[in-house]
Protein backbone atom coordinates (compact mmCIF):
# COMPACT_ATOMS: atom_id res chain seq x y z
CA MET A 1 157.01 100.89 58.08
CA GLU A 2 159.84 98.58 57.54
CA GLY A 3 160.48 98.41 61.17
CA TRP A 4 157.58 96.32 62.21
CA GLY A 5 159.48 93.23 60.84
CA ILE A 6 157.35 92.17 58.19
CA PRO A 7 158.53 90.63 55.04
CA GLN A 8 158.33 92.99 51.56
CA ILE A 9 155.18 92.63 50.13
CA GLU A 10 155.64 93.11 46.38
CA PRO A 11 152.84 95.24 44.80
CA MET A 12 150.35 93.26 42.32
CA THR A 13 150.35 93.77 38.52
CA GLU A 14 147.72 94.79 36.28
CA ARG A 15 148.60 91.58 35.07
CA MET A 16 147.73 89.60 37.48
CA CYS A 17 144.38 91.08 38.43
CA VAL A 18 143.88 89.99 34.82
CA ALA A 19 144.35 86.44 35.39
CA ILE A 20 142.28 86.26 38.94
CA GLY A 21 139.21 88.30 37.52
CA ARG A 22 136.93 90.55 39.46
CA PRO A 23 134.76 87.75 41.11
CA LEU A 24 137.68 85.99 42.57
CA SER A 25 139.30 89.72 44.05
CA ARG A 26 135.93 90.49 45.88
CA PHE A 27 136.04 86.98 47.39
CA LEU A 28 139.44 87.12 48.36
CA ALA A 29 139.29 90.48 49.57
CA ILE A 30 136.77 89.36 52.18
CA SER A 31 138.86 86.57 53.03
CA ILE A 32 141.81 88.47 53.73
CA ALA A 33 139.83 91.17 56.13
CA ALA A 34 139.33 88.11 58.80
CA GLY A 35 143.24 87.87 58.86
CA THR A 36 144.26 91.26 59.71
CA LEU A 37 144.43 93.56 62.05
CA THR A 38 141.45 95.72 61.82
CA VAL A 39 140.84 99.07 63.90
CA GLY A 40 137.29 100.87 63.34
CA PHE A 41 135.05 103.34 64.46
CA PRO A 42 131.40 103.19 63.34
CA ALA A 43 129.86 106.94 64.04
CA SER A 44 125.83 106.71 63.62
CA LEU A 45 124.26 109.90 62.29
CA ALA A 46 120.42 109.21 62.30
CA GLY A 47 118.08 109.66 65.19
CA GLN A 48 120.68 109.40 68.16
CA ALA A 49 120.27 112.85 69.60
CA ALA A 50 116.60 112.01 70.43
CA GLY A 51 116.85 108.56 72.04
CA THR A 52 120.26 109.55 74.34
CA GLY A 53 120.15 112.78 75.29
CA ALA A 54 118.05 114.41 78.02
CA GLY A 55 116.55 116.80 75.99
CA PRO A 56 115.61 120.43 76.50
CA GLY A 57 114.27 121.28 80.09
CA ARG A 58 114.36 117.56 80.82
CA PRO A 59 117.25 116.55 84.25
CA SER A 60 119.45 114.10 83.45
CA GLY A 61 118.91 111.92 85.77
CA PRO A 62 116.56 110.94 88.79
CA GLN A 63 116.10 114.13 91.32
CA PRO A 64 116.29 113.51 94.76
CA ALA A 65 112.73 113.83 96.64
CA THR A 66 113.31 116.98 99.08
CA SER A 67 111.02 118.78 101.12
CA SER A 68 110.54 122.42 101.15
CA PHE A 69 108.29 122.80 104.36
CA SER A 70 110.58 123.97 107.04
CA GLY A 71 107.86 123.52 110.22
CA GLY A 72 104.86 124.59 111.97
CA ARG A 73 101.26 124.32 110.70
CA LEU A 74 101.21 122.33 107.58
CA SER A 75 97.78 123.07 105.36
CA LEU A 76 96.01 120.20 103.25
CA GLU A 77 96.81 122.27 99.65
CA ASP A 78 100.72 122.40 101.12
CA ALA A 79 100.82 118.61 101.53
CA ILE A 80 99.31 117.66 98.49
CA ALA A 81 101.95 120.20 96.46
CA ILE A 82 104.75 118.81 98.78
CA ALA A 83 104.07 114.83 98.04
CA THR A 84 103.32 115.32 94.05
CA ALA A 85 106.66 117.08 93.69
CA THR A 86 108.14 114.32 95.74
CA SER A 87 106.64 111.13 95.21
CA GLU A 88 108.47 108.02 93.82
CA GLU A 89 105.37 106.77 92.39
CA VAL A 90 104.81 109.93 90.42
CA ALA A 91 108.78 110.02 89.33
CA VAL A 92 108.64 106.34 88.18
CA ALA A 93 105.41 107.16 86.06
CA ARG A 94 106.90 110.15 84.51
CA ALA A 95 110.28 108.11 83.55
CA GLY A 96 107.79 106.08 81.92
CA VAL A 97 106.02 108.40 79.92
CA SER A 98 109.55 109.56 78.82
CA ARG A 99 110.67 106.41 78.14
CA ALA A 100 107.14 106.00 76.07
CA GLU A 101 107.90 109.01 73.74
CA GLY A 102 111.36 107.72 73.08
CA GLU A 103 109.27 104.63 71.67
CA GLN A 104 107.66 106.84 69.68
CA VAL A 105 110.91 108.60 68.29
CA ARG A 106 112.51 105.43 67.55
CA ALA A 107 109.07 104.02 65.69
CA ARG A 108 108.96 107.10 63.84
CA ALA A 109 112.92 107.31 62.81
CA ASP A 110 111.92 103.80 60.65
CA LEU A 111 110.27 106.15 58.16
CA LEU A 112 113.12 108.08 57.74
CA PRO A 113 116.52 107.41 55.67
CA GLN A 114 119.38 106.32 57.45
CA LEU A 115 122.68 107.49 57.11
CA SER A 116 126.08 106.34 58.82
CA SER A 117 129.37 106.49 58.28
CA SER A 118 132.59 104.31 58.91
CA ALA A 119 136.33 104.55 59.17
CA SER A 120 139.18 101.46 59.15
CA TYR A 121 142.54 101.11 58.68
CA ASP A 122 144.10 97.48 58.45
CA ARG A 123 147.43 96.74 58.65
CA THR A 124 148.23 93.00 56.88
CA LEU A 125 150.81 90.63 59.12
CA ALA A 126 150.59 87.69 56.43
CA THR A 127 149.21 86.93 53.05
CA GLU A 128 149.04 83.93 50.76
CA PHE A 129 149.50 86.43 48.09
CA SER A 130 153.32 87.21 49.54
CA ASP A 131 154.40 83.10 48.13
CA ILE A 132 153.11 83.68 44.77
CA PHE A 133 153.50 87.21 43.73
CA GLY A 134 156.19 88.30 46.18
CA GLU A 135 160.06 88.00 46.00
CA ASN A 136 160.16 84.39 46.71
CA ALA A 137 157.96 83.39 43.45
CA GLY A 138 161.11 82.61 41.83
CA PRO A 139 163.05 84.24 38.88
CA PRO A 140 160.39 85.81 36.21
CA CYS A 141 159.64 83.75 32.96
CA ASP A 142 160.82 85.11 29.44
CA PRO A 143 157.94 86.54 27.22
CA PHE A 144 156.51 84.84 24.50
CA MET A 145 158.33 85.09 21.23
CA LEU A 146 156.50 84.20 18.05
CA ARG A 147 158.91 82.87 15.37
CA PRO A 148 157.16 82.22 12.32
CA GLU A 149 160.01 80.78 10.30
CA ALA A 150 160.88 77.77 13.66
CA SER A 151 159.33 74.62 12.47
CA LEU A 152 156.12 73.63 13.51
CA PRO A 153 157.29 71.47 16.66
CA ASP A 154 159.36 74.30 17.75
CA ARG A 155 156.45 76.73 17.54
CA VAL A 156 154.40 74.30 19.53
CA ALA A 157 156.81 73.49 21.96
CA GLU A 158 157.50 77.92 22.63
CA ILE A 159 153.72 77.81 22.64
CA GLU A 160 153.90 75.15 25.65
CA ARG A 161 156.57 76.92 27.66
CA ALA A 162 155.13 79.78 27.68
CA ILE A 163 151.57 78.45 29.09
CA ASP A 164 153.57 76.27 31.59
CA CYS A 165 155.14 79.53 32.79
CA GLY A 166 152.49 81.71 32.68
CA ALA A 167 154.13 84.20 29.83
CA VAL A 168 151.49 84.41 27.14
CA GLY A 169 150.91 87.91 26.02
CA THR A 170 151.21 91.08 28.72
CA GLY A 171 147.87 90.85 30.14
CA PHE A 172 148.74 87.69 32.46
CA PHE A 173 151.43 86.29 34.95
CA GLY A 174 154.08 87.02 32.65
CA GLY A 175 154.71 90.76 33.63
CA GLY A 176 154.52 93.91 31.05
CA GLU A 177 154.38 97.73 32.07
CA GLY A 178 151.42 99.57 33.52
CA ASP A 179 151.92 98.08 37.23
CA VAL A 180 149.19 98.85 39.63
CA ASP A 181 147.90 99.09 43.28
CA LEU A 182 145.76 96.20 43.83
CA PRO A 183 143.80 95.16 47.33
CA PHE A 184 145.43 92.06 47.74
CA GLY A 185 148.16 91.67 49.64
CA GLN A 186 148.58 95.20 50.58
CA ARG A 187 150.26 96.32 53.93
CA ASN A 188 148.48 99.27 54.13
CA ILE A 189 144.90 99.64 53.63
CA TYR A 190 142.56 102.81 54.79
CA ARG A 191 138.83 102.94 54.07
CA VAL A 192 136.62 105.38 54.85
CA ASN A 193 132.62 104.81 54.06
CA LEU A 194 129.14 106.29 54.02
CA SER A 195 125.87 103.99 53.95
CA LEU A 196 122.66 104.96 52.93
CA SER A 197 119.49 103.06 53.12
CA GLN A 198 116.07 104.11 53.41
CA SER A 199 112.89 101.96 53.25
CA LEU A 200 110.72 101.75 50.56
CA TYR A 201 107.89 99.44 51.38
CA THR A 202 107.51 97.47 54.64
CA GLY A 203 103.47 95.84 54.40
CA GLY A 204 102.35 98.50 57.09
CA ARG A 205 105.12 97.54 59.53
CA VAL A 206 106.19 100.89 60.24
CA PRO A 207 102.77 102.46 61.00
CA ALA A 208 101.89 99.93 62.99
CA GLN A 209 104.48 100.27 65.52
CA ARG A 210 104.01 103.48 65.49
CA ALA A 211 100.41 103.20 66.47
CA LEU A 212 102.03 100.88 69.15
CA ALA A 213 104.42 103.19 70.35
CA GLY A 214 101.46 106.01 70.19
CA ALA A 215 99.34 103.34 72.59
CA GLY A 216 102.12 103.00 74.56
CA ARG A 217 102.38 106.47 75.02
CA GLN A 218 98.97 107.02 76.04
CA LEU A 219 98.90 103.96 78.15
CA ALA A 220 102.08 105.79 80.25
CA ALA A 221 100.47 109.00 80.14
CA GLU A 222 97.16 107.21 82.07
CA ASP A 223 99.38 105.75 84.44
CA LEU A 224 100.98 109.07 85.41
CA THR A 225 97.53 110.70 86.22
CA SER A 226 96.52 107.68 88.15
CA ALA A 227 99.81 107.58 90.03
CA ARG A 228 99.31 111.28 90.93
CA ALA A 229 95.74 110.72 92.02
CA GLN A 230 96.79 107.87 94.01
CA VAL A 231 99.24 109.66 95.72
CA VAL A 232 97.17 112.58 96.31
CA LEU A 233 94.22 110.31 97.84
CA ALA A 234 96.81 108.85 100.09
CA VAL A 235 98.17 112.19 101.36
CA THR A 236 94.38 113.23 102.10
CA GLU A 237 94.17 110.18 104.16
CA ALA A 238 97.03 110.61 106.01
CA TYR A 239 96.40 114.10 106.30
CA PHE A 240 92.78 113.32 108.25
CA ASP A 241 94.24 110.63 110.09
CA ALA A 242 96.78 112.92 111.63
CA ALA A 243 93.91 115.28 112.54
CA LEU A 244 92.03 112.65 113.57
CA SER A 245 94.50 111.06 116.01
CA ASP A 246 95.09 114.73 117.62
CA ARG A 247 91.29 114.58 117.95
CA LEU A 248 91.11 111.29 119.74
CA VAL A 249 94.41 112.31 121.88
CA ALA A 250 92.35 115.37 122.74
CA ILE A 251 89.62 113.52 123.72
CA ALA A 252 91.54 110.83 126.10
CA GLU A 253 93.41 113.41 127.52
CA ALA A 254 89.77 115.27 128.65
CA GLY A 255 88.62 111.95 130.03
CA LEU A 256 91.82 111.39 132.03
CA ARG A 257 91.03 114.87 133.28
CA GLN A 258 87.91 113.96 134.11
CA ALA A 259 88.62 110.69 135.33
CA THR A 260 91.53 112.16 137.62
CA ALA A 261 89.29 115.36 139.06
CA THR A 262 86.30 112.63 140.19
CA LEU A 263 89.30 110.73 141.72
CA GLU A 264 90.30 114.22 143.63
CA GLN A 265 86.63 114.81 144.49
CA VAL A 266 86.05 111.45 146.09
CA GLU A 267 89.46 111.21 148.08
CA LEU A 268 88.40 114.79 149.47
CA SER A 269 85.02 113.28 150.54
CA PHE A 270 86.10 110.02 151.60
CA LYS A 271 88.50 111.86 154.04
CA ALA A 272 85.85 113.83 155.00
CA GLY A 273 83.66 110.56 156.05
CA ARG A 274 80.83 110.86 153.96
CA LEU A 275 82.24 108.15 151.53
CA ALA A 276 83.05 105.03 151.61
CA GLU A 277 86.84 103.37 150.99
CA PHE A 278 85.35 101.69 148.35
CA GLU A 279 83.98 104.58 146.46
CA VAL A 280 87.65 105.61 146.48
CA LEU A 281 88.91 102.72 145.20
CA ARG A 282 86.18 102.66 141.98
CA ALA A 283 87.56 105.91 141.14
CA ARG A 284 91.02 104.97 141.14
CA VAL A 285 90.36 102.20 139.10
CA ALA A 286 88.29 104.59 136.62
CA ARG A 287 91.13 107.01 136.30
CA ASP A 288 93.92 104.12 135.82
CA ASN A 289 91.84 102.45 133.08
CA GLN A 290 91.85 105.92 131.24
CA ARG A 291 95.51 105.93 131.06
CA PRO A 292 96.02 103.05 128.92
CA GLN A 293 93.89 104.79 126.66
CA VAL A 294 95.59 107.92 126.49
CA VAL A 295 99.00 105.96 125.80
CA ARG A 296 97.11 103.93 122.77
CA THR A 297 95.77 107.07 121.14
CA ARG A 298 99.18 109.29 121.64
CA ALA A 299 101.07 105.75 119.96
CA GLN A 300 98.63 106.07 117.30
CA ARG A 301 98.76 109.48 116.67
CA THR A 302 102.72 108.96 116.23
CA LEU A 303 102.25 106.11 113.84
CA ALA A 304 99.86 108.60 111.46
CA TYR A 305 102.27 111.59 111.73
CA LEU A 306 104.84 108.76 110.73
CA ARG A 307 102.69 108.19 107.61
CA LEU A 308 102.26 111.98 106.49
CA ARG A 309 106.02 112.60 107.27
CA GLU A 310 107.22 110.06 104.86
CA LEU A 311 104.41 111.26 102.10
CA VAL A 312 105.30 114.50 102.45
CA HIS A 313 109.25 113.90 102.93
CA VAL A 314 109.37 115.76 106.20
CA PRO A 315 112.14 114.72 108.73
CA PRO A 316 111.45 113.64 111.81
CA ASP A 317 112.91 116.65 113.82
CA VAL A 318 111.06 119.12 111.91
CA PRO A 319 107.92 120.50 113.83
CA LEU A 320 104.54 119.37 111.85
CA ILE A 321 100.65 120.39 112.62
CA VAL A 322 98.45 119.44 110.49
CA ASP A 323 95.74 122.36 110.07
CA ALA A 324 92.44 120.62 109.73
CA ASN A 325 89.50 121.50 112.29
CA LEU A 326 87.27 117.93 112.37
CA ASP A 327 84.92 119.51 114.93
CA ASP A 328 83.71 122.60 112.47
CA PRO A 329 79.60 122.52 112.64
CA VAL A 330 79.74 123.24 108.83
CA LEU A 331 82.80 120.83 107.67
CA PRO A 332 83.05 122.39 103.92
CA PRO A 333 85.00 120.26 101.46
CA PRO A 334 88.09 120.64 101.20
CA ALA A 335 89.19 123.66 99.25
CA ALA A 336 92.01 121.84 97.21
CA PHE A 337 89.15 119.45 95.47
CA GLN A 338 86.23 120.45 92.91
CA LEU A 339 83.26 117.93 93.64
CA PRO A 340 80.56 117.95 90.25
CA PRO A 341 77.65 120.13 90.62
CA GLY A 342 74.88 118.69 93.28
CA VAL A 343 77.08 116.32 95.17
CA GLU A 344 76.31 118.03 98.66
CA LYS A 345 72.66 117.88 97.75
CA GLY A 346 72.56 114.05 97.35
CA GLU A 347 72.90 113.69 93.79
CA ARG A 348 74.70 111.52 91.49
CA PRO A 349 76.05 112.99 88.87
CA GLY A 350 77.38 111.26 85.96
CA LEU A 351 81.07 111.32 85.00
CA THR A 352 82.12 113.78 82.41
CA GLY A 353 84.66 110.78 81.35
CA PRO A 354 85.36 107.14 81.04
CA ARG A 355 87.48 106.22 84.37
CA VAL A 356 91.36 105.43 84.30
CA ALA A 357 90.82 101.86 84.14
CA VAL A 358 88.75 102.26 81.02
CA ARG A 359 91.35 104.33 79.53
CA GLN A 360 93.98 102.19 79.99
CA ALA A 361 91.94 99.16 78.34
CA GLU A 362 91.29 101.30 75.65
CA ALA A 363 95.13 101.97 75.05
CA GLY A 364 96.02 98.05 75.57
CA LEU A 365 93.17 97.31 72.72
CA ALA A 366 94.59 99.92 71.05
CA ALA A 367 97.94 98.07 71.40
CA ARG A 368 97.17 94.80 70.54
CA GLU A 369 94.69 95.86 67.31
CA ALA A 370 98.61 97.20 66.15
CA ALA A 371 100.44 94.53 67.15
CA LEU A 372 98.21 91.82 64.93
CA ARG A 373 98.54 94.22 62.04
CA ILE A 374 102.40 94.05 62.77
CA ALA A 375 102.22 90.00 62.64
CA ARG A 376 100.30 90.24 59.91
CA SER A 377 102.86 92.76 58.06
CA GLN A 378 105.58 89.98 58.79
CA ARG A 379 104.09 88.18 55.31
CA LEU A 380 104.31 90.60 52.91
CA PRO A 381 107.56 91.92 51.14
CA SER A 382 109.79 94.27 52.06
CA ILE A 383 111.57 96.73 49.86
CA SER A 384 114.61 99.08 50.65
CA PHE A 385 116.81 101.13 48.91
CA ASN A 386 120.60 101.55 49.69
CA SER A 387 123.76 102.74 48.73
CA THR A 388 127.31 102.97 49.96
CA TYR A 389 130.05 105.28 48.54
CA GLY A 390 133.52 105.13 50.05
CA ARG A 391 137.18 105.75 49.40
CA VAL A 392 140.18 103.35 50.08
CA ALA A 393 144.08 104.00 49.98
CA TYR A 394 146.94 101.68 50.37
CA ALA A 395 149.78 104.07 50.79
CA GLY A 396 151.92 103.76 54.06
CA PHE A 397 150.66 107.68 55.13
CA PRO A 398 148.40 108.77 52.04
CA SER A 399 147.47 111.79 50.89
CA PHE A 400 143.73 113.01 49.50
CA SER A 401 145.31 112.23 45.75
CA ASP A 402 145.85 108.28 47.10
CA PHE A 403 142.29 107.19 48.04
CA ARG A 404 140.33 105.58 44.97
CA THR A 405 136.56 105.70 44.93
CA ASN A 406 133.72 103.06 45.38
CA TRP A 407 130.41 103.86 44.78
CA THR A 408 127.13 100.90 44.93
CA VAL A 409 123.67 102.04 44.43
CA GLY A 410 120.67 98.93 44.83
CA VAL A 411 117.51 97.76 45.54
CA VAL A 412 117.14 95.04 48.18
CA ALA A 413 113.39 93.02 48.40
CA GLN A 414 113.24 90.72 50.94
CA VAL A 415 110.08 88.18 51.07
CA PRO A 416 109.51 85.09 53.54
CA ILE A 417 108.98 81.79 51.94
CA LEU A 418 109.20 79.30 54.54
CA THR A 419 109.37 79.75 58.19
CA GLY A 420 107.91 76.71 59.95
CA GLY A 421 104.71 78.36 60.73
CA ARG A 422 106.66 80.91 62.81
CA LEU A 423 104.46 83.34 61.53
CA ARG A 424 101.29 81.98 61.25
CA GLY A 425 102.01 81.72 64.99
CA ASP A 426 102.71 85.30 65.65
CA GLN A 427 99.68 85.81 63.89
CA MET A 428 97.41 83.70 66.06
CA VAL A 429 98.90 84.72 69.58
CA ALA A 430 98.25 88.33 68.52
CA ALA A 431 94.61 87.63 67.36
CA ALA A 432 94.06 85.90 70.99
CA GLU A 433 95.47 89.10 72.47
CA LEU A 434 93.07 91.51 70.95
CA SER A 435 90.37 89.12 71.91
CA ILE A 436 91.59 89.23 75.35
CA ALA A 437 92.12 93.45 75.44
CA ARG A 438 88.25 93.57 73.83
CA ALA A 439 86.75 91.66 76.74
CA GLN A 440 88.82 93.29 79.58
CA ARG A 441 87.26 96.69 78.39
CA GLU A 442 83.98 95.60 79.07
CA GLN A 443 84.70 94.32 82.12
CA ALA A 444 86.69 97.46 83.01
CA ARG A 445 83.45 99.57 81.98
CA HIS A 446 80.99 97.46 83.73
CA LEU A 447 83.27 97.29 87.05
CA SER A 448 83.97 101.29 86.88
CA GLU A 449 80.20 101.84 87.30
CA VAL A 450 79.93 99.82 90.00
CA ASP A 451 83.09 100.93 91.80
CA THR A 452 81.35 104.91 90.74
CA GLN A 453 78.63 103.84 92.49
CA ALA A 454 80.13 102.37 95.49
CA ALA A 455 82.02 105.67 95.79
CA TYR A 456 78.69 107.83 96.24
CA GLU A 457 77.32 105.39 98.60
CA GLU A 458 80.11 105.60 100.58
CA LEU A 459 80.01 109.63 100.25
CA GLU A 460 76.53 109.51 101.56
CA ALA A 461 76.62 106.65 104.07
CA ALA A 462 79.70 109.20 105.77
CA ARG A 463 77.95 112.26 105.05
CA ALA A 464 74.87 110.91 107.34
CA THR A 465 76.96 109.60 110.10
CA TRP A 466 78.52 113.02 110.05
CA GLU A 467 75.11 114.72 110.16
CA ALA A 468 73.55 112.02 112.60
CA GLY A 469 76.41 112.58 115.35
CA ALA A 470 76.11 116.59 115.41
CA GLY A 471 73.68 116.44 118.04
CA THR A 472 74.44 113.69 119.83
CA VAL A 473 77.90 115.31 120.89
CA GLU A 474 75.59 117.94 122.76
CA GLN A 475 73.46 115.89 124.34
CA ALA A 476 76.50 113.94 125.57
CA LEU A 477 77.89 116.82 126.96
CA ARG A 478 74.81 118.17 128.68
CA ALA A 479 74.08 114.55 130.39
CA TYR A 480 77.50 114.32 131.56
CA LYS A 481 77.21 117.70 133.02
CA ILE A 482 74.14 116.82 134.82
CA ALA A 483 75.92 113.93 135.84
CA GLU A 484 78.45 115.53 137.56
CA LEU A 485 76.07 117.71 139.54
CA ARG A 486 74.36 115.24 140.65
CA TYR A 487 77.10 113.15 142.10
CA ARG A 488 78.32 116.20 143.65
CA GLU A 489 75.06 116.78 145.37
CA GLY A 490 75.02 113.23 146.52
CA ILE A 491 71.91 111.84 144.58
CA SER A 492 73.39 110.02 141.59
CA THR A 493 75.93 107.25 142.21
CA GLN A 494 80.34 107.04 140.80
CA LEU A 495 78.94 104.26 138.03
CA GLU A 496 76.12 106.83 136.97
CA LEU A 497 78.97 109.57 136.45
CA SER A 498 81.46 106.91 135.09
CA ASP A 499 79.16 105.98 132.40
CA ALA A 500 78.15 109.66 131.01
CA ARG A 501 81.55 110.19 130.81
CA TYR A 502 82.23 107.16 128.50
CA LEU A 503 79.34 108.03 126.69
CA LEU A 504 80.72 111.63 126.05
CA GLU A 505 84.03 110.12 124.57
CA GLN A 506 82.22 107.93 122.39
CA ALA A 507 80.14 110.69 120.63
CA GLN A 508 83.23 113.10 120.61
CA ALA A 509 85.27 110.11 118.78
CA ASN A 510 82.29 109.10 116.76
CA ARG A 511 81.77 112.38 115.58
CA ALA A 512 85.68 113.11 114.76
CA GLN A 513 85.58 109.34 112.95
CA ALA A 514 82.53 110.64 110.98
CA ALA A 515 84.20 113.69 110.14
CA ARG A 516 87.41 112.25 108.72
CA ASP A 517 85.73 109.97 106.93
CA LEU A 518 83.33 112.15 105.48
CA GLN A 519 86.33 114.45 103.74
CA VAL A 520 87.78 111.70 102.51
CA ALA A 521 84.86 110.06 100.68
CA ARG A 522 84.47 113.88 99.35
CA VAL A 523 88.22 113.64 98.04
CA ARG A 524 88.00 110.43 96.45
CA ILE A 525 84.31 111.77 94.88
CA ALA A 526 86.53 114.50 93.49
CA LEU A 527 89.95 112.42 92.00
CA LEU A 528 87.44 109.15 91.07
CA PRO A 529 87.93 109.50 86.93
CA ASP A 530 91.51 109.05 87.41
CA LEU A 531 91.85 106.38 90.39
CA PRO A 532 91.96 102.67 89.63
CA LEU A 533 88.97 100.46 90.54
CA GLY A 534 89.63 99.11 93.77
CA ALA A 535 90.55 102.57 95.31
CA GLY A 536 86.49 103.39 96.10
CA SER A 537 86.85 100.38 98.71
CA LEU A 538 84.55 98.30 96.47
CA GLY A 539 86.17 94.98 97.81
CA ALA A 540 88.64 92.22 96.80
CA GLY A 541 87.22 91.14 93.77
CA SER A 542 87.04 94.73 91.85
CA GLN A 543 91.00 95.36 92.93
CA ALA A 544 91.64 91.71 91.36
CA VAL A 545 89.68 92.21 88.31
CA SER A 546 91.48 95.59 88.04
CA ALA A 547 94.88 94.15 88.39
CA GLY A 548 94.15 92.24 85.75
CA VAL A 549 93.07 94.88 83.30
CA SER A 550 96.25 96.42 84.37
CA ALA A 551 98.14 93.49 83.69
CA GLN A 552 96.43 92.55 80.27
CA ALA A 553 97.28 96.64 79.34
CA ALA A 554 101.32 96.04 80.11
CA VAL A 555 101.42 93.00 78.25
CA ALA A 556 100.11 95.05 75.32
CA THR A 557 102.59 97.23 74.71
CA GLN A 558 105.43 94.34 74.44
CA PRO A 559 106.85 93.92 71.16
CA VAL A 560 105.25 91.08 68.78
CA ALA A 561 107.02 89.41 65.80
CA GLY A 562 109.94 91.53 65.96
CA GLY A 563 107.97 94.62 66.51
CA THR A 564 109.63 97.99 68.03
CA PRO A 565 108.09 97.45 71.70
CA ALA A 566 106.04 100.90 73.03
CA THR A 567 106.88 100.71 76.92
CA GLY A 568 107.60 98.34 79.65
CA THR A 569 105.89 99.75 82.28
CA ALA A 570 102.16 100.15 82.18
CA GLY A 571 100.19 98.28 85.35
CA MET A 572 98.14 100.73 87.61
CA VAL A 573 99.12 100.79 91.38
CA GLN A 574 96.32 99.42 93.54
CA GLY A 575 95.66 101.36 96.02
CA ALA A 576 92.64 99.64 98.81
CA THR A 577 92.04 102.41 100.93
CA GLY A 578 88.84 102.01 103.99
CA GLN A 579 87.92 103.83 107.34
CA SER A 580 90.68 104.92 109.12
CA THR A 581 91.37 102.62 112.64
CA LEU A 582 93.01 105.05 114.57
CA GLY A 583 89.28 105.35 116.74
CA GLY A 584 89.24 103.17 119.08
CA TYR A 585 86.16 103.99 120.24
CA ARG A 586 84.53 102.85 117.33
CA GLN A 587 81.98 100.15 117.89
């Protein structure tokens, strides 16, 4: 230690400590710490593993989205399984659930004892005590000598001398036996502390924070359920859009082949002299007008497959064909979904439970109620128990026997007296947000009933349209064959044949579109309890209100009046859906 270039600081004696006193020694010990070189390493021992670790069976970081599809025909069940496993929206919602669980652990930790440890080393570079008690303090003072035989003036003079130099008795600054090491001016100070604290009474704040965290966990779980349902609905729509695009391309290509065959027949008749050039021009124009339709439907098919590939994370170089038949005369519901009983017969059974928007609003209401309890608890006193056990040593390289013990226990009571109205303002805000949450819940209940009825109306309309188009395709096909025969026999015009071909394409496209809409409407009914408001194509008004409910639910889990936040992500992702726009034949 001498090699550090620090002047030698003499240790203080017991007589010095008696003169200064315990209150002053504590004050100086705190003051000296501001001018020392300190190296410390606190290590928290309570509640850290649950908040920082990945946990058993849980990935330590975000996993890359990969697809196990290697190419070929893709069923709807496989598409849904791949999309839900690789969806970014589901991954975000799942992370929100993990975060809400962490908030629950953090809120529960306030009920348990908090134990922490710390160790530090202080090297004193300069101290105010070096000039007082060190080698620069001057020659020592002679001890006080009591001489009864001396005269009164001599005895008074001796007493005044001893008082002036601090030599009165053996317990003051004049020296004596029994020198000990004290914390003032020590060059090396080693400290090891162990602190324990336990909340005894919090006015109901900790239970309210646990309720707030529980509501956040419920809200995050509903968000995850809703995200999965929206992904499933989006994949179903993209899947049947791709199937519809395949069917529309087939219809357009069949129309082009028919127009080409008609043109070839007209050209042969023109060369034989049975038809005029005008008929050839008309047939060629009809054929050329069919080509843009083929190009358009092929482009729409490419876009539909791009959307499906995006949802199931299939690279563009992997061949992909949807395994769906929109021309099925029976068209059963998708096997991956179970419709409520009686739906296929036109019945409207009630839902087994509330819609996800209602469940989210109820979770937000519970969070607002807990936030109000937290705001009220701030007015009440809080009581906690604490204890500190420490060991301290002043040697350069201390051994175990060089350490001394400090151990304190205490109880702390805190009560707010004057806060300038802050607590009252917090309580007013919490009460107002609770009223908003109650209104949002009632609004969500009413709109969920309307949205449910709208979804059933769309299902019935899609079913009626599909059933009505069953005989239309057969009749249009029969009419086209008759028109083709009449044209070959020369008893009808080319205009009649073109009109019959157009009506056939129109009927086939409408039939395919109706099949697509029916399957999507069935899936929407099956997913209805977990879909947010607006996913049933109710309209922009319903979606706006649903967004308001979600925003209120998200705000409901923010920290209130010093409380522990439960979750930060609770908004519902709106998924507005509608009929496919792939069909260029819809009127």
